[in-house]
Amino acid sequence: MAYYTDIHSHILPGVDDGAKDMETTMAMIDMAYSQGVRVMIATPHYYPGHVRHPKEYLDDVFRETVSAVKEKYGDFTILPGNEVYYREEAVEKLQDRRIHTMADTLYVLLEFSPGVHYQVLVGAVRKCLETGYYPVLAHIERYQSLWKNEKNVRELVRMGAYMQINAENFSGGIFSAQRRWCLRLAKEGLVHFIGSDAHNTKERCPNIKQAADYLKEKLDKETFQKIMYDNPAKLLKGEYL
């Protein structure tokens, strides 16, 4: 039976604005597991220059979380990562191994402010590619310079960037402009990954299956297969899409 991979989540307890404690973490894992998720990348926030916890501490929490999850679900895998708020010095931190890439591959999950200028996105993508990393832009639906501007999205993809959209965008109302825009991008091959960006068990909970069910109805079989299965599998292996 095929399973889902959630490449963007805040499930490590007490390290950012995600799961507040191990109890919350395990409840989130329960929700994800019931939806058919079997691999999850833990991507706690990393803000260069404003690090709340050193990497060594995050690694300890990660190991504790892996142990707790394995004790309950032997077939559930948690992998390390970070959601990196982009600054130029972030690339140096990556090279010094002070920031986690996604599942210890060359893929890097990058976050920006909603009002980020398009040329900043271009520069970030170029900088990552020049230093050997594969940039994945987190929740692109939040960035004003990309919202309703498919030309900019297409250009970044042409450069070598990968696009991630949050699953919640496919659970909006029938007249949701944001859902229509996200679906159009997916149909045009401009969406590479869906992530839950889960932070808790309530308003920002694991929700991959809800998005998958919607996309399975709306996308052709090949596109759905790429987004939900093939692309995450290649990411975990560190392969180009």
Protein backbone atom coordinates (compact mmCIF):
# COMPACT_ATOMS: atom_id res chain seq x y z
CA MET A 1 0.00 0.00 0.00
CA ALA A 2 1.35 3.43 -1.00
CA TYR A 3 2.08 5.85 1.81
CA TYR A 4 2.51 9.61 2.01
CA THR A 5 5.59 11.61 2.92
CA ASP A 6 5.19 14.93 4.75
CA ILE A 7 8.24 17.04 3.93
CA HIS A 8 7.34 20.06 6.10
CA SER A 9 6.32 19.77 9.74
CA HIS A 10 6.96 21.28 13.16
CA ILE A 11 6.63 18.17 15.30
CA LEU A 12 9.72 18.36 17.50
CA PRO A 13 8.52 19.22 21.02
CA GLY A 14 9.32 22.59 22.55
CA VAL A 15 11.80 23.87 19.99
CA ASP A 16 9.74 26.45 18.06
CA ASP A 17 6.09 27.45 17.66
CA GLY A 18 5.17 23.87 16.77
CA ALA A 19 4.44 20.99 19.16
CA LYS A 20 4.68 22.33 22.70
CA ASP A 21 5.58 19.00 24.33
CA MET A 22 6.05 15.31 23.58
CA GLU A 23 2.39 14.60 24.25
CA THR A 24 1.43 17.01 21.47
CA THR A 25 4.07 15.54 19.21
CA MET A 26 2.69 12.04 19.65
CA ALA A 27 -0.88 13.23 19.07
CA MET A 28 0.27 14.83 15.81
CA ILE A 29 2.04 11.62 14.82
CA ASP A 30 -1.16 9.68 15.55
CA MET A 31 -3.08 11.98 13.23
CA ALA A 32 -0.50 11.72 10.47
CA TYR A 33 -0.29 7.94 10.79
CA SER A 34 -4.07 7.57 10.53
CA GLN A 35 -3.91 9.51 7.25
CA GLY A 36 -1.39 7.16 5.67
CA VAL A 37 1.74 9.21 6.33
CA ARG A 38 4.74 7.00 7.05
CA VAL A 39 7.63 9.43 6.55
CA MET A 40 7.85 12.91 8.03
CA ILE A 41 10.66 15.42 7.86
CA ALA A 42 10.92 17.49 11.04
CA THR A 43 11.62 21.07 9.94
CA PRO A 44 11.89 23.38 12.98
CA HIS A 45 12.35 27.05 12.18
CA TYR A 46 15.88 28.39 11.82
CA TYR A 47 16.40 32.14 11.78
CA PRO A 48 20.04 33.08 11.07
CA GLY A 49 21.23 35.46 13.76
CA HIS A 50 18.30 34.60 16.04
CA VAL A 51 18.83 30.96 16.92
CA ARG A 52 16.63 29.86 19.80
CA HIS A 53 18.34 26.51 20.28
CA PRO A 54 21.77 25.32 19.10
CA LYS A 55 21.92 22.46 16.63
CA GLU A 56 23.21 20.09 19.31
CA TYR A 57 20.07 20.64 21.38
CA LEU A 58 17.79 20.14 18.38
CA ASP A 59 19.61 16.92 17.55
CA ASP A 60 19.04 15.63 21.08
CA VAL A 61 15.32 16.43 20.87
CA PHE A 62 15.18 14.81 17.44
CA ARG A 63 16.70 11.57 18.75
CA GLU A 64 14.29 11.53 21.71
CA THR A 65 11.36 12.03 19.33
CA VAL A 66 12.52 9.27 16.99
CA SER A 67 12.82 6.89 19.93
CA ALA A 68 9.33 7.72 21.23
CA VAL A 69 7.74 7.33 17.80
CA LYS A 70 9.53 4.06 17.02
CA GLU A 71 8.31 2.61 20.29
CA LYS A 72 4.73 3.13 19.12
CA TYR A 73 5.00 2.87 15.34
CA GLY A 74 7.76 0.66 14.03
CA ASP A 75 6.97 1.60 10.43
CA PHE A 76 7.02 5.38 10.87
CA THR A 77 10.18 7.30 9.96
CA ILE A 78 11.12 10.78 11.11
CA LEU A 79 13.99 12.51 9.33
CA PRO A 80 15.91 15.69 10.23
CA GLY A 81 15.54 19.07 8.58
CA ASN A 82 15.06 22.78 9.13
CA GLU A 83 12.82 25.46 7.69
CA VAL A 84 15.41 28.14 7.04
CA TYR A 85 14.41 31.78 7.03
CA TYR A 86 16.63 32.95 4.21
CA ARG A 87 19.55 35.28 4.76
CA GLU A 88 22.76 35.17 2.76
CA GLU A 89 24.64 33.87 5.80
CA ALA A 90 22.29 30.87 5.91
CA VAL A 91 24.22 29.25 3.08
CA GLU A 92 27.43 29.51 5.09
CA LYS A 93 25.66 27.88 8.03
CA LEU A 94 24.54 25.07 5.74
CA GLN A 95 28.08 24.54 4.52
CA ASP A 96 29.31 24.49 8.14
CA ARG A 97 26.58 21.94 8.96
CA ARG A 98 25.00 24.26 11.51
CA ILE A 99 21.65 23.91 9.74
CA HIS A 100 19.98 20.70 8.67
CA THR A 101 19.18 20.08 5.06
CA MET A 102 16.07 18.02 4.32
CA ALA A 103 16.64 14.39 5.30
CA ASP A 104 20.41 15.03 5.12
CA THR A 105 20.24 15.51 1.34
CA LEU A 106 21.16 18.59 -0.69
CA TYR A 107 17.55 19.80 -0.59
CA VAL A 108 16.97 22.89 1.59
CA LEU A 109 13.57 24.21 2.74
CA LEU A 110 13.62 28.02 2.49
CA GLU A 111 11.18 30.45 4.06
CA PHE A 112 10.75 34.16 3.33
CA SER A 113 8.62 37.04 4.58
CA PRO A 114 5.23 37.43 2.86
CA GLY A 115 6.34 40.72 1.30
CA VAL A 116 9.65 39.40 -0.05
CA HIS A 117 10.71 41.07 -3.28
CA TYR A 118 10.88 38.78 -6.29
CA GLN A 119 14.56 39.59 -6.89
CA VAL A 120 15.36 38.37 -3.37
CA LEU A 121 13.81 35.03 -4.28
CA VAL A 122 15.86 34.94 -7.47
CA GLY A 123 19.04 35.71 -5.55
CA ALA A 124 18.32 33.06 -2.93
CA VAL A 125 17.66 30.39 -5.54
CA ARG A 126 20.80 31.34 -7.46
CA LYS A 127 22.95 31.38 -4.30
CA CYS A 128 21.76 27.92 -3.23
CA LEU A 129 22.27 26.42 -6.67
CA GLU A 130 25.74 27.93 -7.00
CA THR A 131 26.78 26.28 -3.73
CA GLY A 132 25.32 22.90 -4.64
CA TYR A 133 21.97 22.96 -2.82
CA TYR A 134 18.51 22.31 -4.24
CA PRO A 135 16.19 25.07 -2.97
CA VAL A 136 12.61 24.18 -1.99
CA LEU A 137 10.54 27.32 -1.45
CA ALA A 138 8.18 26.76 1.46
CA HIS A 139 4.46 27.65 1.19
CA ILE A 140 4.81 29.78 -1.95
CA GLU A 141 1.16 30.81 -1.72
CA ARG A 142 2.15 33.28 1.03
CA TYR A 143 4.53 35.40 -1.04
CA GLN A 144 2.98 38.47 -2.62
CA SER A 145 5.53 38.52 -5.43
CA LEU A 146 4.38 35.05 -6.52
CA TRP A 147 0.68 35.17 -5.65
CA LYS A 148 -1.28 35.31 -8.90
CA ASN A 149 1.98 35.81 -10.79
CA GLU A 150 2.61 32.52 -12.53
CA LYS A 151 5.31 34.07 -14.71
CA ASN A 152 7.51 34.56 -11.64
CA VAL A 153 6.78 31.04 -10.36
CA ARG A 154 7.59 29.58 -13.75
CA GLU A 155 10.87 31.51 -13.98
CA LEU A 156 12.02 30.29 -10.57
CA VAL A 157 11.20 26.70 -11.54
CA ARG A 158 13.10 27.18 -14.78
CA MET A 159 16.11 28.34 -12.73
CA GLY A 160 16.00 25.15 -10.67
CA ALA A 161 13.83 25.95 -7.66
CA TYR A 162 11.20 23.55 -6.31
CA MET A 163 7.82 24.73 -5.06
CA GLN A 164 6.01 23.55 -1.93
CA ILE A 165 2.39 24.39 -1.13
CA ASN A 166 0.71 23.82 2.22
CA ALA A 167 -1.96 21.15 2.27
CA GLU A 168 -4.48 23.49 3.91
CA ASN A 169 -4.82 25.35 0.62
CA PHE A 170 -6.72 22.42 -0.84
CA SER A 171 -9.35 22.40 1.87
CA GLY A 172 -10.80 25.87 1.28
CA GLY A 173 -14.32 26.63 0.14
CA ILE A 174 -15.53 26.02 -3.38
CA PHE A 175 -15.10 29.71 -4.20
CA SER A 176 -11.62 30.03 -2.66
CA ALA A 177 -9.39 32.07 -4.99
CA GLN A 178 -6.30 30.75 -3.25
CA ARG A 179 -7.32 27.14 -3.78
CA ARG A 180 -8.05 27.79 -7.46
CA TRP A 181 -4.65 29.41 -7.90
CA CYS A 182 -2.81 26.59 -6.14
CA LEU A 183 -4.68 23.99 -8.18
CA ARG A 184 -3.86 25.79 -11.42
CA LEU A 185 -0.16 25.78 -10.53
CA ALA A 186 -0.35 22.05 -9.77
CA LYS A 187 -2.04 21.33 -13.09
CA GLU A 188 0.67 23.30 -14.90
CA GLY A 189 3.47 21.31 -13.25
CA LEU A 190 4.60 24.20 -11.05
CA VAL A 191 4.03 22.45 -7.71
CA HIS A 192 6.55 19.83 -6.64
CA PHE A 193 5.59 19.09 -3.03
CA ILE A 194 2.65 19.26 -0.63
CA GLY A 195 3.52 19.68 3.05
CA SER A 196 1.31 19.89 6.10
CA ASP A 197 3.38 22.61 7.85
CA ALA A 198 1.71 21.09 10.92
CA HIS A 199 2.24 22.93 14.21
CA ASN A 200 -0.36 21.38 16.51
CA THR A 201 -3.47 19.19 16.61
CA LYS A 202 -6.04 21.94 16.09
CA GLU A 203 -5.97 24.77 13.57
CA ARG A 204 -2.60 23.71 12.08
CA CYS A 205 -2.78 19.95 12.28
CA PRO A 206 -1.44 17.17 10.01
CA ASN A 207 -3.72 17.23 6.97
CA ILE A 208 -1.97 15.51 4.08
CA LYS A 209 -4.79 13.09 3.29
CA GLN A 210 -7.40 15.80 2.89
CA ALA A 211 -5.22 17.52 0.29
CA ALA A 212 -4.35 14.21 -1.39
CA ASP A 213 -8.00 13.23 -1.71
CA TYR A 214 -8.83 16.56 -3.31
CA LEU A 215 -5.88 16.49 -5.71
CA LYS A 216 -6.59 12.92 -6.73
CA GLU A 217 -9.97 14.10 -8.01
CA LYS A 218 -8.67 17.21 -9.76
CA LEU A 219 -5.32 16.19 -11.28
CA ASP A 220 -4.44 13.71 -13.97
CA LYS A 221 -2.98 10.47 -12.65
CA GLU A 222 0.61 11.24 -13.69
CA THR A 223 0.70 14.68 -12.07
CA PHE A 224 -0.85 13.38 -8.86
CA GLN A 225 1.68 10.55 -8.76
CA LYS A 226 4.60 12.96 -9.14
CA ILE A 227 3.47 15.38 -6.44
CA MET A 228 2.34 12.91 -3.81
CA TYR A 229 4.72 9.99 -4.35
CA ASP A 230 7.52 10.31 -6.92
CA ASN A 231 8.90 13.72 -5.98
CA PRO A 232 9.06 13.02 -2.21
CA ALA A 233 10.72 9.67 -2.92
CA LYS A 234 13.38 11.34 -5.05
CA LEU A 235 13.95 14.03 -2.44
CA LEU A 236 14.57 11.41 0.24
CA LYS A 237 17.19 9.83 -2.04
CA GLY A 238 18.75 13.20 -2.84
CA GLU A 239 17.94 12.83 -6.53
CA TYR A 240 16.95 15.53 -9.02
CA LEU A 241 13.26 15.58 -9.82
